[in-house]
Protein backbone atom coordinates (compact mmCIF):
# COMPACT_ATOMS: atom_id res chain seq x y z
CA MET A 1 -3.75 -20.97 4.52
CA ALA A 2 -0.90 -18.55 3.80
CA GLU A 3 -1.51 -14.83 4.05
CA ILE A 4 -1.53 -13.01 0.71
CA LEU A 5 0.97 -10.16 0.64
CA LEU A 6 1.07 -7.25 -1.81
CA ARG A 7 4.50 -5.95 -2.79
CA LEU A 8 4.47 -2.16 -3.04
CA TYR A 9 7.14 0.50 -2.87
CA GLU A 10 7.21 1.62 0.75
CA ASP A 11 6.78 5.38 0.35
CA PRO A 12 3.18 6.42 -0.33
CA LYS A 13 2.87 8.85 -3.23
CA ARG A 14 -0.03 10.82 -1.81
CA GLY A 15 -2.94 10.64 0.58
CA GLY A 16 -6.54 11.22 -0.24
CA THR A 17 -10.14 10.28 0.23
CA CYS A 18 -11.99 7.49 -1.55
CA THR A 19 -14.58 9.00 -3.88
CA GLY A 20 -16.79 5.94 -3.38
CA CYS A 21 -17.05 5.66 0.41
CA GLY A 22 -15.22 8.71 1.78
CA ALA A 23 -12.57 6.73 3.70
CA ALA A 24 -9.02 8.02 4.08
CA ILE A 25 -6.61 6.25 1.72
CA GLU A 26 -2.95 6.38 0.71
CA TRP A 27 -1.74 5.71 -2.82
CA TYR A 28 1.25 3.39 -3.21
CA GLU A 29 3.18 2.48 -6.34
CA THR A 30 3.25 -1.17 -7.40
CA LEU A 31 6.46 -2.71 -8.72
CA LYS A 32 4.96 -2.38 -12.21
CA GLY A 33 4.42 1.37 -11.82
CA LYS A 34 0.64 1.34 -11.24
CA MET A 35 -0.99 3.12 -8.32
CA MET A 36 -2.88 1.15 -5.65
CA PRO A 37 -5.13 2.60 -2.94
CA MET A 38 -4.39 1.28 0.52
CA ASN A 39 -6.33 1.95 3.70
CA ALA A 40 -4.75 4.87 5.57
CA GLY A 41 -2.47 3.68 8.34
CA ALA A 42 -1.82 0.26 6.81
CA VAL A 43 1.37 -1.20 8.27
CA PRO A 44 3.63 -3.46 6.21
CA ARG A 45 4.21 -6.99 7.51
CA LYS A 46 7.84 -6.82 6.41
CA SER A 47 10.08 -4.92 4.03
CA GLU A 48 13.25 -5.42 2.01
CA LYS A 49 15.50 -3.32 -0.18
CA ASP A 50 15.20 -3.81 -3.95
CA PRO A 51 18.77 -4.55 -5.09
CA ASP A 52 18.05 -3.17 -8.58
CA THR A 53 16.52 0.19 -7.66
CA GLY A 54 17.62 0.71 -4.04
CA ARG A 55 14.01 1.46 -3.09
CA VAL A 56 12.34 -0.25 -0.15
CA ILE A 57 9.63 -2.77 -1.01
CA ALA A 58 6.94 -3.16 1.64
CA PHE A 59 4.82 -6.29 1.96
CA PHE A 60 1.24 -5.38 2.91
CA ALA A 61 -1.57 -7.80 3.74
CA ALA A 62 -4.05 -7.98 0.87
CA GLU A 63 -6.89 -7.06 3.24
CA ASP A 64 -5.20 -3.67 3.80
CA SER A 65 -5.89 -2.79 0.17
CA HIS A 66 -8.77 -0.34 -0.06
CA TRP A 67 -10.18 -2.43 -2.91
CA ALA A 68 -10.66 -5.23 -0.37
CA THR A 69 -12.55 -3.09 2.14
CA CYS A 70 -14.41 -0.41 0.16
CA PRO A 71 -18.13 -1.11 -0.10
CA GLN A 72 -18.08 0.69 -3.48
CA SER A 73 -15.06 -1.16 -4.96
CA ARG A 74 -17.09 -2.79 -7.73
CA GLN A 75 -17.78 0.59 -9.34
CA PHE A 76 -14.03 1.22 -9.65
CA HIS A 77 -13.14 -2.26 -10.92
CA ALA A 78 -15.81 -1.93 -13.61
CA LYS A 79 -14.10 1.21 -14.95
CA ARG A 80 -10.82 -0.65 -15.49
CA VAL A 81 -12.32 -3.33 -17.76
């Protein structure tokens, strides 16, 4: 089965701590302008330059998303509905 990759702008916007589990996280911007928490230290599998914006797009494994690993992620997903 193919690995699922998330496309995010390479430069994290800020670091922080998950309010649910206390883990270190970094916030990255999605291509649609939303913010996504990633596990601190996540390393992109590959990257490429966006020809339209000139920004670097990083491809992260989906399991590096903090939503995938946080034991409290359901409480945050419920708020977005």
